[in-house]
Amino acid sequence: MILQTHAYARAGLVGNPSDGYFGKTISIIARNFRCRVRLYESPRLMIVPGRRDQLDFDSIHHMMVFVEEAGYYGGTRLIKATIKRFHDHCAEREIVLDPRNFTIEYDTDIPVRVGLAGSSAIVTATMRALMQFFGVTIPQPTLPGLILSVETQELGISAGLQDRVVQVYEGCVYMDFSRALLETQGYGCYEPLAPALLPPLFVAYHDALAEGTEVAHSPVRERWLAGEPKVVGTMEEIAALAEQARALLREGKGAEIGGLLDQNFELRSRIYPISAGNRELIERARREGAHAHFAGSGGAVVGVYRDEVMFIRLARSYAQMGAKIFKPTLA
């Protein structure tokens, strides 16, 4: 029997990137893009490379273009690390796995390294496949933490829980990652919000602005761990925006959260360097009267627009710079 699992792209709506700093966020799933994993029993354990694991090229120029778009790492290292972490998780809990081998394949159309959580989607879909294949149940609130540990513990990549939580819960989720919650119960407070409460949203991204999440986060994490007041205080202010957005949504005032996205970007700009291209993604939205903030680490923005006329103007503006735009599908 062939098992098929999936995980979708995501966009951090408000509060990003405070999730890795005991903060609060609201994030959404974008079903427009997904990673799919196929797993089936086989004589040997095999990981089949995907398109993003390419190792042969027509020329040096071809390789340069590929590296610029996809980076140096594909999905196989993520799958290897997920299998190891799953095995260790089961061993630590004395869960005996059947002595069966399997072949695992993946494919994904999530844009690469533009902050739409393509890497965590591979890990999430792989973890789901392994759970089904071996009949192992992992409680929903703790599953995102296990998925996160694949990248942080096994691969040494700086990341937060936000992507993994919304990819596990799907839809739209408010997340509270306060230190007290994480230290007492091992996970945060995750509250699904009805997508109908949200205003019209768009996501725009540019492949040429691709950058690994560790490039953006590592320096800031070092400053935060050192207790730098500017970084610590800014993360607290960013987290507070998610609380405000949650209150507005629950009150049926979703149209009013746009200004919070603008504030989120300005606060982020205090402590993160913003490239000219990424700033242009924000400025083009503002020139058309929309509100926008980074969907992840850079390369993509998520925004609030008023009506279809504004969306058409946004699409034209982004096309001028070579960026793509879509309306995220949450359900």
C-alpha atoms as a PDB file:
ATOM      1  CA  MET A   1       0.000   0.000   0.000  1.00  0.00           C
ATOM      2  CA  ILE A   2       1.235   3.478  -0.883  1.00  0.00           C
ATOM      3  CA  LEU A   3       0.770   6.145   1.774  1.00  0.00           C
ATOM      4  CA  GLN A   4       0.467   9.771   0.686  1.00  0.00           C
ATOM      5  CA  THR A   5       0.731  12.709   3.057  1.00  0.00           C
ATOM      6  CA  HIS A   6       1.120  16.417   2.555  1.00  0.00           C
ATOM      7  CA  ALA A   7       1.815  19.767   4.188  1.00  0.00           C
ATOM      8  CA  TYR A   8       1.001  23.213   2.849  1.00  0.00           C
ATOM      9  CA  ALA A   9       2.863  26.483   2.522  1.00  0.00           C
ATOM     10  CA  ARG A  10       2.221  29.026   5.249  1.00  0.00           C
ATOM     11  CA  ALA A  11       2.419  32.781   5.810  1.00  0.00           C
ATOM     12  CA  GLY A  12       3.067  34.432   9.152  1.00  0.00           C
ATOM     13  CA  LEU A  13       0.335  37.064   9.349  1.00  0.00           C
ATOM     14  CA  VAL A  14       1.083  38.993  12.551  1.00  0.00           C
ATOM     15  CA  GLY A  15       3.683  38.567  15.291  1.00  0.00           C
ATOM     16  CA  ASN A  16       6.326  37.052  13.031  1.00  0.00           C
ATOM     17  CA  PRO A  17       9.165  36.419  13.962  1.00  0.00           C
ATOM     18  CA  SER A  18       8.550  36.486  17.718  1.00  0.00           C
ATOM     19  CA  ASP A  19       7.638  32.776  17.809  1.00  0.00           C
ATOM     20  CA  GLY A  20      11.271  31.829  18.359  1.00  0.00           C
ATOM     21  CA  TYR A  21      11.527  34.314  21.229  1.00  0.00           C
ATOM     22  CA  PHE A  22       8.651  33.307  23.547  1.00  0.00           C
ATOM     23  CA  GLY A  23       6.304  35.557  21.584  1.00  0.00           C
ATOM     24  CA  LYS A  24       2.891  35.331  19.952  1.00  0.00           C
ATOM     25  CA  THR A  25       1.863  34.985  16.308  1.00  0.00           C
ATOM     26  CA  ILE A  26      -1.067  34.459  13.982  1.00  0.00           C
ATOM     27  CA  SER A  27      -0.278  32.370  10.929  1.00  0.00           C
ATOM     28  CA  ILE A  28      -2.233  31.007   7.974  1.00  0.00           C
ATOM     29  CA  ILE A  29      -1.969  28.027   5.647  1.00  0.00           C
ATOM     30  CA  ALA A  30      -1.788  28.616   1.895  1.00  0.00           C
ATOM     31  CA  ARG A  31      -3.154  25.540   0.148  1.00  0.00           C
ATOM     32  CA  ASN A  32      -2.058  27.053  -3.146  1.00  0.00           C
ATOM     33  CA  PHE A  33       1.283  25.253  -2.666  1.00  0.00           C
ATOM     34  CA  ARG A  34       2.126  21.984  -0.964  1.00  0.00           C
ATOM     35  CA  CYS A  35       4.692  19.286  -0.354  1.00  0.00           C
ATOM     36  CA  ARG A  36       3.555  15.711  -0.948  1.00  0.00           C
ATOM     37  CA  VAL A  37       5.287  12.608   0.400  1.00  0.00           C
ATOM     38  CA  ARG A  38       4.762   9.047  -0.823  1.00  0.00           C
ATOM     39  CA  LEU A  39       5.919   6.152   1.357  1.00  0.00           C
ATOM     40  CA  TYR A  40       5.625   2.427   0.694  1.00  0.00           C
ATOM     41  CA  GLU A  41       7.183  -0.811   1.975  1.00  0.00           C
ATOM     42  CA  SER A  42      10.301  -2.019   0.176  1.00  0.00           C
ATOM     43  CA  PRO A  43      13.178  -4.498   0.716  1.00  0.00           C
ATOM     44  CA  ARG A  44      15.630  -1.703   1.571  1.00  0.00           C
ATOM     45  CA  LEU A  45      15.188   1.728   3.111  1.00  0.00           C
ATOM     46  CA  MET A  46      15.458   4.184   0.233  1.00  0.00           C
ATOM     47  CA  ILE A  47      15.107   7.969  -0.043  1.00  0.00           C
ATOM     48  CA  VAL A  48      14.374   9.059  -3.597  1.00  0.00           C
ATOM     49  CA  PRO A  49      15.857  12.473  -4.451  1.00  0.00           C
ATOM     50  CA  GLY A  50      13.441  15.143  -5.623  1.00  0.00           C
ATOM     51  CA  ARG A  51      13.829  17.829  -8.274  1.00  0.00           C
ATOM     52  CA  ARG A  52      15.517  20.099  -5.733  1.00  0.00           C
ATOM     53  CA  ASP A  53      18.230  17.540  -5.054  1.00  0.00           C
ATOM     54  CA  GLN A  54      19.670  17.859  -8.548  1.00  0.00           C
ATOM     55  CA  LEU A  55      23.330  16.857  -8.895  1.00  0.00           C
ATOM     56  CA  ASP A  56      23.868  16.936 -12.673  1.00  0.00           C
ATOM     57  CA  PHE A  57      23.746  20.061 -14.820  1.00  0.00           C
ATOM     58  CA  ASP A  58      24.089  21.112 -18.439  1.00  0.00           C
ATOM     59  CA  SER A  59      26.761  23.667 -17.610  1.00  0.00           C
ATOM     60  CA  ILE A  60      28.283  25.799 -14.872  1.00  0.00           C
ATOM     61  CA  HIS A  61      25.789  28.530 -15.748  1.00  0.00           C
ATOM     62  CA  HIS A  62      22.932  26.051 -15.316  1.00  0.00           C
ATOM     63  CA  MET A  63      24.293  25.085 -11.897  1.00  0.00           C
ATOM     64  CA  MET A  64      24.661  28.746 -10.884  1.00  0.00           C
ATOM     65  CA  VAL A  65      21.028  29.429 -11.767  1.00  0.00           C
ATOM     66  CA  PHE A  66      19.911  26.340  -9.844  1.00  0.00           C
ATOM     67  CA  VAL A  67      21.908  27.292  -6.734  1.00  0.00           C
ATOM     68  CA  GLU A  68      20.576  30.856  -6.812  1.00  0.00           C
ATOM     69  CA  GLU A  69      17.017  29.557  -6.856  1.00  0.00           C
ATOM     70  CA  ALA A  70      17.218  26.438  -4.684  1.00  0.00           C
ATOM     71  CA  GLY A  71      20.301  26.918  -2.525  1.00  0.00           C
ATOM     72  CA  TYR A  72      22.814  24.237  -1.729  1.00  0.00           C
ATOM     73  CA  TYR A  73      20.503  21.801   0.012  1.00  0.00           C
ATOM     74  CA  GLY A  74      17.481  19.908  -1.250  1.00  0.00           C
ATOM     75  CA  GLY A  75      15.003  17.829   0.682  1.00  0.00           C
ATOM     76  CA  THR A  76      16.900  14.590   1.268  1.00  0.00           C
ATOM     77  CA  ARG A  77      18.834  15.886   4.282  1.00  0.00           C
ATOM     78  CA  LEU A  78      15.508  17.003   5.818  1.00  0.00           C
ATOM     79  CA  ILE A  79      14.006  13.560   5.229  1.00  0.00           C
ATOM     80  CA  LYS A  80      17.050  11.782   6.689  1.00  0.00           C
ATOM     81  CA  ALA A  81      16.937  14.012   9.770  1.00  0.00           C
ATOM     82  CA  THR A  82      13.174  13.441  10.142  1.00  0.00           C
ATOM     83  CA  ILE A  83      13.577   9.657  10.024  1.00  0.00           C
ATOM     84  CA  LYS A  84      16.322   9.823  12.659  1.00  0.00           C
ATOM     85  CA  ARG A  85      14.330  12.135  14.920  1.00  0.00           C
ATOM     86  CA  PHE A  86      11.224   9.961  14.586  1.00  0.00           C
ATOM     87  CA  HIS A  87      13.252   6.854  15.430  1.00  0.00           C
ATOM     88  CA  ASP A  88      14.828   8.545  18.468  1.00  0.00           C
ATOM     89  CA  HIS A  89      11.442   9.850  19.646  1.00  0.00           C
ATOM     90  CA  CYS A  90      10.019   6.321  19.563  1.00  0.00           C
ATOM     91  CA  ALA A  91      13.094   4.800  21.251  1.00  0.00           C
ATOM     92  CA  GLU A  92      12.949   7.346  24.073  1.00  0.00           C
ATOM     93  CA  ARG A  93       9.327   6.308  24.725  1.00  0.00           C
ATOM     94  CA  GLU A  94       9.990   2.580  24.288  1.00  0.00           C
ATOM     95  CA  ILE A  95       7.755   2.436  21.224  1.00  0.00           C
ATOM     96  CA  VAL A  96       8.832  -0.632  19.258  1.00  0.00           C
ATOM     97  CA  LEU A  97       8.809  -0.064  15.499  1.00  0.00           C
ATOM     98  CA  ASP A  98       8.036  -2.914  13.106  1.00  0.00           C
ATOM     99  CA  PRO A  99      11.225  -4.144  11.375  1.00  0.00           C
ATOM    100  CA  ARG A 100       9.995  -3.034   7.959  1.00  0.00           C
ATOM    101  CA  ASN A 101      11.882  -1.018   5.370  1.00  0.00           C
ATOM    102  CA  PHE A 102      10.338   1.567   3.118  1.00  0.00           C
ATOM    103  CA  THR A 103      10.929   3.846   0.166  1.00  0.00           C
ATOM    104  CA  ILE A 104      10.093   7.508   0.547  1.00  0.00           C
ATOM    105  CA  GLU A 105       9.619  10.039  -2.250  1.00  0.00           C
ATOM    106  CA  TYR A 106       8.700  13.696  -2.139  1.00  0.00           C
ATOM    107  CA  ASP A 107       7.728  16.483  -4.469  1.00  0.00           C
ATOM    108  CA  THR A 108       6.937  20.091  -3.665  1.00  0.00           C
ATOM    109  CA  ASP A 109       5.847  23.189  -5.525  1.00  0.00           C
ATOM    110  CA  ILE A 110       6.317  25.534  -2.569  1.00  0.00           C
ATOM    111  CA  PRO A 111       8.547  28.409  -3.744  1.00  0.00           C
ATOM    112  CA  VAL A 112      12.065  27.884  -2.453  1.00  0.00           C
ATOM    113  CA  ARG A 113      13.604  29.966   0.357  1.00  0.00           C
ATOM    114  CA  VAL A 114      11.168  32.880   0.179  1.00  0.00           C
ATOM    115  CA  GLY A 115       9.683  32.501   3.649  1.00  0.00           C
ATOM    116  CA  LEU A 116       6.717  30.247   2.830  1.00  0.00           C
ATOM    117  CA  ALA A 117       7.932  27.348   5.018  1.00  0.00           C
ATOM    118  CA  GLY A 118       8.943  24.941   2.283  1.00  0.00           C
ATOM    119  CA  SER A 119      11.501  23.137   4.451  1.00  0.00           C
ATOM    120  CA  SER A 120       9.176  22.551   7.389  1.00  0.00           C
ATOM    121  CA  ALA A 121       6.513  21.316   4.948  1.00  0.00           C
ATOM    122  CA  ILE A 122       8.878  18.542   3.833  1.00  0.00           C
ATOM    123  CA  VAL A 123       9.546  17.584   7.451  1.00  0.00           C
ATOM    124  CA  THR A 124       5.856  17.744   8.425  1.00  0.00           C
ATOM    125  CA  ALA A 125       4.698  15.620   5.491  1.00  0.00           C
ATOM    126  CA  THR A 126       7.499  13.093   6.152  1.00  0.00           C
ATOM    127  CA  MET A 127       6.647  12.875   9.851  1.00  0.00           C
ATOM    128  CA  ARG A 128       2.991  12.242   8.996  1.00  0.00           C
ATOM    129  CA  ALA A 129       3.974   9.462   6.603  1.00  0.00           C
ATOM    130  CA  LEU A 130       6.208   7.774   9.195  1.00  0.00           C
ATOM    131  CA  MET A 131       3.481   7.978  11.832  1.00  0.00           C
ATOM    132  CA  GLN A 132       0.991   6.319   9.504  1.00  0.00           C
ATOM    133  CA  PHE A 133       3.400   3.647   8.274  1.00  0.00           C
ATOM    134  CA  PHE A 134       4.414   2.537  11.769  1.00  0.00           C
ATOM    135  CA  GLY A 135       1.043   3.207  13.432  1.00  0.00           C
ATOM    136  CA  VAL A 136       2.486   5.723  15.899  1.00  0.00           C
ATOM    137  CA  THR A 137       0.308   8.455  17.389  1.00  0.00           C
ATOM    138  CA  ILE A 138       1.864  11.740  18.500  1.00  0.00           C
ATOM    139  CA  PRO A 139      -0.470  14.232  20.225  1.00  0.00           C
ATOM    140  CA  GLN A 140      -1.269  17.247  18.057  1.00  0.00           C
ATOM    141  CA  PRO A 141       0.005  19.895  20.529  1.00  0.00           C
ATOM    142  CA  THR A 142       3.415  18.199  20.868  1.00  0.00           C
ATOM    143  CA  LEU A 143       3.888  17.245  17.225  1.00  0.00           C
ATOM    144  CA  PRO A 144       5.073  20.728  16.098  1.00  0.00           C
ATOM    145  CA  GLY A 145       7.864  20.630  18.682  1.00  0.00           C
ATOM    146  CA  LEU A 146       9.083  17.275  17.404  1.00  0.00           C
ATOM    147  CA  ILE A 147       8.990  18.584  13.831  1.00  0.00           C
ATOM    148  CA  LEU A 148      10.929  21.691  14.878  1.00  0.00           C
ATOM    149  CA  SER A 149      13.592  19.568  16.577  1.00  0.00           C
ATOM    150  CA  VAL A 150      14.433  17.981  13.221  1.00  0.00           C
ATOM    151  CA  GLU A 151      15.897  21.279  12.022  1.00  0.00           C
ATOM    152  CA  THR A 152      17.116  22.767  15.308  1.00  0.00           C
ATOM    153  CA  GLN A 153      18.602  19.651  16.948  1.00  0.00           C
ATOM    154  CA  GLU A 154      19.548  17.477  13.997  1.00  0.00           C
ATOM    155  CA  LEU A 155      20.594  20.138  11.472  1.00  0.00           C
ATOM    156  CA  GLY A 156      21.446  23.140  13.643  1.00  0.00           C
ATOM    157  CA  ILE A 157      19.071  25.517  11.820  1.00  0.00           C
ATOM    158  CA  SER A 158      17.615  28.460  13.762  1.00  0.00           C
ATOM    159  CA  ALA A 159      13.822  28.297  13.549  1.00  0.00           C
ATOM    160  CA  GLY A 160      10.646  28.736  15.591  1.00  0.00           C
ATOM    161  CA  LEU A 161       7.472  26.786  16.228  1.00  0.00           C
ATOM    162  CA  GLN A 162       5.122  28.977  14.192  1.00  0.00           C
ATOM    163  CA  ASP A 163       5.505  27.203  10.820  1.00  0.00           C
ATOM    164  CA  ARG A 164       5.143  23.746  12.300  1.00  0.00           C
ATOM    165  CA  VAL A 165       2.104  24.610  14.415  1.00  0.00           C
ATOM    166  CA  VAL A 166       0.046  25.990  11.526  1.00  0.00           C
ATOM    167  CA  GLN A 167       1.169  23.183   9.198  1.00  0.00           C
ATOM    168  CA  VAL A 168      -0.060  20.667  11.775  1.00  0.00           C
ATOM    169  CA  TYR A 169      -3.307  22.479  12.704  1.00  0.00           C
ATOM    170  CA  GLU A 170      -3.915  24.147   9.294  1.00  0.00           C
ATOM    171  CA  GLY A 171      -6.336  27.006   8.624  1.00  0.00           C
ATOM    172  CA  CYS A 172      -5.597  30.112  10.701  1.00  0.00           C
ATOM    173  CA  VAL A 173      -4.038  29.756  14.151  1.00  0.00           C
ATOM    174  CA  TYR A 174      -3.235  32.135  17.017  1.00  0.00           C
ATOM    175  CA  MET A 175      -0.200  30.915  18.969  1.00  0.00           C
ATOM    176  CA  ASP A 176       1.110  31.909  22.379  1.00  0.00           C
ATOM    177  CA  PHE A 177       4.681  30.736  22.969  1.00  0.00           C
ATOM    178  CA  SER A 178       5.191  32.317  26.384  1.00  0.00           C
ATOM    179  CA  ARG A 179       8.112  30.940  28.363  1.00  0.00           C
ATOM    180  CA  ALA A 180       5.859  29.782  31.214  1.00  0.00           C
ATOM    181  CA  LEU A 181       3.744  27.643  28.875  1.00  0.00           C
ATOM    182  CA  LEU A 182       6.688  26.110  27.043  1.00  0.00           C
ATOM    183  CA  GLU A 183       8.553  25.298  30.243  1.00  0.00           C
ATOM    184  CA  THR A 184       5.564  23.829  32.122  1.00  0.00           C
ATOM    185  CA  GLN A 185       3.726  21.856  29.424  1.00  0.00           C
ATOM    186  CA  GLY A 186       6.323  21.695  26.666  1.00  0.00           C
ATOM    187  CA  TYR A 187       4.220  23.477  24.050  1.00  0.00           C
ATOM    188  CA  GLY A 188       2.315  26.726  23.623  1.00  0.00           C
ATOM    189  CA  CYS A 189      -1.349  27.635  23.509  1.00  0.00           C
ATOM    190  CA  TYR A 190      -2.685  27.087  19.994  1.00  0.00           C
ATOM    191  CA  GLU A 191      -6.085  28.537  19.152  1.00  0.00           C
ATOM    192  CA  PRO A 192      -7.627  27.992  15.707  1.00  0.00           C
ATOM    193  CA  LEU A 193      -9.402  31.067  14.337  1.00  0.00           C
ATOM    194  CA  ALA A 194     -12.184  30.897  11.753  1.00  0.00           C
ATOM    195  CA  PRO A 195     -10.796  31.931   8.335  1.00  0.00           C
ATOM    196  CA  ALA A 196     -14.056  33.814   7.718  1.00  0.00           C
ATOM    197  CA  LEU A 197     -12.918  36.365  10.319  1.00  0.00           C
ATOM    198  CA  LEU A 198      -9.985  37.430   8.138  1.00  0.00           C
ATOM    199  CA  PRO A 199     -10.025  40.341   5.703  1.00  0.00           C
ATOM    200  CA  PRO A 200      -9.057  39.796   2.037  1.00  0.00           C
ATOM    201  CA  LEU A 201      -5.419  38.620   2.006  1.00  0.00           C
ATOM    202  CA  PHE A 202      -2.722  38.364  -0.629  1.00  0.00           C
ATOM    203  CA  VAL A 203       0.765  36.868  -0.719  1.00  0.00           C
ATOM    204  CA  ALA A 204       3.443  38.176  -3.085  1.00  0.00           C
ATOM    205  CA  TYR A 205       6.885  36.660  -3.572  1.00  0.00           C
ATOM    206  CA  HIS A 206       9.967  37.031  -5.734  1.00  0.00           C
ATOM    207  CA  ASP A 207      12.188  34.021  -6.486  1.00  0.00           C
ATOM    208  CA  ALA A 208      15.274  36.222  -6.875  1.00  0.00           C
ATOM    209  CA  LEU A 209      14.978  37.314  -3.232  1.00  0.00           C
ATOM    210  CA  ALA A 210      15.396  33.753  -1.954  1.00  0.00           C
ATOM    211  CA  GLU A 211      17.516  33.437   1.183  1.00  0.00           C
ATOM    212  CA  GLY A 212      17.962  30.737   3.811  1.00  0.00           C
ATOM    213  CA  THR A 213      16.143  31.393   7.074  1.00  0.00           C
ATOM    214  CA  GLU A 214      19.361  30.943   9.041  1.00  0.00           C
ATOM    215  CA  VAL A 215      20.910  33.930   7.235  1.00  0.00           C
ATOM    216  CA  ALA A 216      18.269  36.251   8.666  1.00  0.00           C
ATOM    217  CA  HIS A 217      17.774  34.742  12.110  1.00  0.00           C
ATOM    218  CA  SER A 218      21.186  33.681  13.397  1.00  0.00           C
ATOM    219  CA  PRO A 219      22.627  37.171  14.149  1.00  0.00           C
ATOM    220  CA  VAL A 220      19.401  38.344  15.826  1.00  0.00           C
ATOM    221  CA  ARG A 221      19.198  35.208  17.951  1.00  0.00           C
ATOM    222  CA  GLU A 222      22.732  35.791  19.202  1.00  0.00           C
ATOM    223  CA  ARG A 223      21.813  39.337  20.206  1.00  0.00           C
ATOM    224  CA  TRP A 224      18.607  38.148  21.888  1.00  0.00           C
ATOM    225  CA  LEU A 225      20.432  35.426  23.822  1.00  0.00           C
ATOM    226  CA  ALA A 226      22.917  38.081  24.957  1.00  0.00           C
ATOM    227  CA  GLY A 227      19.977  40.055  26.379  1.00  0.00           C
ATOM    228  CA  GLU A 228      20.355  43.098  24.121  1.00  0.00           C
ATOM    229  CA  PRO A 229      17.511  45.410  25.280  1.00  0.00           C
ATOM    230  CA  LYS A 230      16.669  46.640  21.775  1.00  0.00           C
ATOM    231  CA  VAL A 231      16.143  43.107  20.454  1.00  0.00           C
ATOM    232  CA  VAL A 232      14.327  41.814  23.538  1.00  0.00           C
ATOM    233  CA  GLY A 233      12.022  44.836  23.678  1.00  0.00           C
ATOM    234  CA  THR A 234      11.247  44.761  19.965  1.00  0.00           C
ATOM    235  CA  MET A 235      10.295  41.084  20.078  1.00  0.00           C
ATOM    236  CA  GLU A 236       7.904  41.830  22.931  1.00  0.00           C
ATOM    237  CA  GLU A 237       6.296  44.644  20.925  1.00  0.00           C
ATOM    238  CA  ILE A 238       5.942  42.381  17.889  1.00  0.00           C
ATOM    239  CA  ALA A 239       4.280  39.685  20.010  1.00  0.00           C
ATOM    240  CA  ALA A 240       1.803  42.231  21.379  1.00  0.00           C
ATOM    241  CA  LEU A 241       0.607  42.943  17.821  1.00  0.00           C
ATOM    242  CA  ALA A 242      -0.591  39.339  17.496  1.00  0.00           C
ATOM    243  CA  GLU A 243      -2.671  39.759  20.664  1.00  0.00           C
ATOM    244  CA  GLN A 244      -4.224  42.928  19.256  1.00  0.00           C
ATOM    245  CA  ALA A 245      -4.982  41.238  15.935  1.00  0.00           C
ATOM    246  CA  ARG A 246      -6.584  38.273  17.695  1.00  0.00           C
ATOM    247  CA  ALA A 247      -8.855  40.610  19.665  1.00  0.00           C
ATOM    248  CA  LEU A 248      -9.910  42.467  16.514  1.00  0.00           C
ATOM    249  CA  LEU A 249     -10.646  39.232  14.664  1.00  0.00           C
ATOM    250  CA  ARG A 250     -12.715  37.829  17.509  1.00  0.00           C
ATOM    251  CA  GLU A 251     -14.685  41.090  17.608  1.00  0.00           C
ATOM    252  CA  GLY A 252     -15.441  40.842  13.889  1.00  0.00           C
ATOM    253  CA  LYS A 253     -13.126  43.731  13.036  1.00  0.00           C
ATOM    254  CA  GLY A 254     -10.783  41.878  10.710  1.00  0.00           C
ATOM    255  CA  ALA A 255     -10.638  44.799   8.274  1.00  0.00           C
ATOM    256  CA  GLU A 256      -8.753  46.757  10.958  1.00  0.00           C
ATOM    257  CA  ILE A 257      -5.722  44.470  11.277  1.00  0.00           C
ATOM    258  CA  GLY A 258      -3.929  45.925   8.259  1.00  0.00           C
ATOM    259  CA  GLY A 259      -2.257  48.648  10.294  1.00  0.00           C
ATOM    260  CA  LEU A 260      -0.837  45.999  12.627  1.00  0.00           C
ATOM    261  CA  LEU A 261       0.950  44.385   9.682  1.00  0.00           C
ATOM    262  CA  ASP A 262       2.525  47.753   8.860  1.00  0.00           C
ATOM    263  CA  GLN A 263       3.671  48.137  12.469  1.00  0.00           C
ATOM    264  CA  ASN A 264       5.041  44.597  12.412  1.00  0.00           C
ATOM    265  CA  PHE A 265       7.261  45.453   9.464  1.00  0.00           C
ATOM    266  CA  GLU A 266       8.516  48.694  11.018  1.00  0.00           C
ATOM    267  CA  LEU A 267       9.391  46.910  14.263  1.00  0.00           C
ATOM    268  CA  ARG A 268      11.173  44.147  12.398  1.00  0.00           C
ATOM    269  CA  SER A 269      13.174  46.767  10.511  1.00  0.00           C
ATOM    270  CA  ARG A 270      14.639  47.963  13.812  1.00  0.00           C
ATOM    271  CA  ILE A 271      16.620  44.785  14.340  1.00  0.00           C
ATOM    272  CA  TYR A 272      16.831  43.002  10.963  1.00  0.00           C
ATOM    273  CA  PRO A 273      18.575  44.309   7.845  1.00  0.00           C
ATOM    274  CA  ILE A 274      16.048  44.681   5.013  1.00  0.00           C
ATOM    275  CA  SER A 275      17.355  44.311   1.470  1.00  0.00           C
ATOM    276  CA  ALA A 276      16.264  46.745  -1.228  1.00  0.00           C
ATOM    277  CA  GLY A 277      14.276  44.052  -3.026  1.00  0.00           C
ATOM    278  CA  ASN A 278      12.402  42.979   0.080  1.00  0.00           C
ATOM    279  CA  ARG A 279      11.650  46.573   0.987  1.00  0.00           C
ATOM    280  CA  GLU A 280      10.265  47.080  -2.510  1.00  0.00           C
ATOM    281  CA  LEU A 281       7.783  44.236  -1.936  1.00  0.00           C
ATOM    282  CA  ILE A 282       6.447  46.202   1.040  1.00  0.00           C
ATOM    283  CA  GLU A 283       6.542  49.627  -0.596  1.00  0.00           C
ATOM    284  CA  ARG A 284       4.650  48.509  -3.693  1.00  0.00           C
ATOM    285  CA  ALA A 285       1.823  47.248  -1.470  1.00  0.00           C
ATOM    286  CA  ARG A 286       1.705  50.521   0.437  1.00  0.00           C
ATOM    287  CA  ARG A 287       1.668  52.618  -2.721  1.00  0.00           C
ATOM    288  CA  GLU A 288      -1.509  50.842  -3.773  1.00  0.00           C
ATOM    289  CA  GLY A 289      -3.138  51.438  -0.381  1.00  0.00           C
ATOM    290  CA  ALA A 290      -2.613  47.891   0.935  1.00  0.00           C
ATOM    291  CA  HIS A 291      -0.878  46.748   4.130  1.00  0.00           C
ATOM    292  CA  ALA A 292       1.912  44.178   4.170  1.00  0.00           C
ATOM    293  CA  HIS A 293       4.509  42.402   6.271  1.00  0.00           C
ATOM    294  CA  PHE A 294       7.001  39.592   5.642  1.00  0.00           C
ATOM    295  CA  ALA A 295       5.382  36.166   5.385  1.00  0.00           C
ATOM    296  CA  GLY A 296       8.556  34.602   6.776  1.00  0.00           C
ATOM    297  CA  SER A 297      12.238  35.495   6.693  1.00  0.00           C
ATOM    298  CA  GLY A 298      12.129  37.479   3.464  1.00  0.00           C
ATOM    299  CA  GLY A 299      11.330  37.004  -0.195  1.00  0.00           C
ATOM    300  CA  ALA A 300       7.556  36.970   0.349  1.00  0.00           C
ATOM    301  CA  VAL A 301       5.034  39.306   1.947  1.00  0.00           C
ATOM    302  CA  VAL A 302       1.510  38.733   3.191  1.00  0.00           C
ATOM    303  CA  GLY A 303      -0.891  41.618   3.041  1.00  0.00           C
ATOM    304  CA  VAL A 304      -4.396  42.978   3.438  1.00  0.00           C
ATOM    305  CA  TYR A 305      -6.167  44.577   0.483  1.00  0.00           C
ATOM    306  CA  ARG A 306      -9.528  46.324   0.231  1.00  0.00           C
ATOM    307  CA  ASP A 307     -11.235  45.051  -2.927  1.00  0.00           C
ATOM    308  CA  GLU A 308     -10.726  43.432  -6.316  1.00  0.00           C
ATOM    309  CA  VAL A 309      -9.773  46.730  -7.932  1.00  0.00           C
ATOM    310  CA  MET A 310      -6.913  47.102  -5.465  1.00  0.00           C
ATOM    311  CA  PHE A 311      -5.832  43.494  -5.988  1.00  0.00           C
ATOM    312  CA  ILE A 312      -5.592  44.052  -9.746  1.00  0.00           C
ATOM    313  CA  ARG A 313      -3.433  47.130  -9.154  1.00  0.00           C
ATOM    314  CA  LEU A 314      -1.223  45.110  -6.811  1.00  0.00           C
ATOM    315  CA  ALA A 315      -0.851  42.345  -9.389  1.00  0.00           C
ATOM    316  CA  ARG A 316       0.208  44.837 -12.054  1.00  0.00           C
ATOM    317  CA  SER A 317       2.692  46.530  -9.749  1.00  0.00           C
ATOM    318  CA  TYR A 318       4.294  43.298  -8.601  1.00  0.00           C
ATOM    319  CA  ALA A 319       4.520  42.030 -12.167  1.00  0.00           C
ATOM    320  CA  GLN A 320       6.611  45.096 -13.013  1.00  0.00           C
ATOM    321  CA  MET A 321       9.326  43.902 -10.594  1.00  0.00           C
ATOM    322  CA  GLY A 322       9.012  40.250 -11.592  1.00  0.00           C
ATOM    323  CA  ALA A 323       7.141  39.195  -8.459  1.00  0.00           C
ATOM    324  CA  LYS A 324       4.157  36.827  -8.321  1.00  0.00           C
ATOM    325  CA  ILE A 325       0.969  37.328  -6.314  1.00  0.00           C
ATOM    326  CA  PHE A 326      -1.853  35.028  -5.201  1.00  0.00           C
ATOM    327  CA  LYS A 327      -4.799  34.919  -2.828  1.00  0.00           C
ATOM    328  CA  PRO A 328      -4.075  32.298  -0.136  1.00  0.00           C
ATOM    329  CA  THR A 329      -6.588  29.462   0.131  1.00  0.00           C
ATOM    330  CA  LEU A 330      -7.010  28.465   3.778  1.00  0.00           C
ATOM    331  CA  ALA A 331      -9.641  25.727   3.564  1.00  0.00           C
END
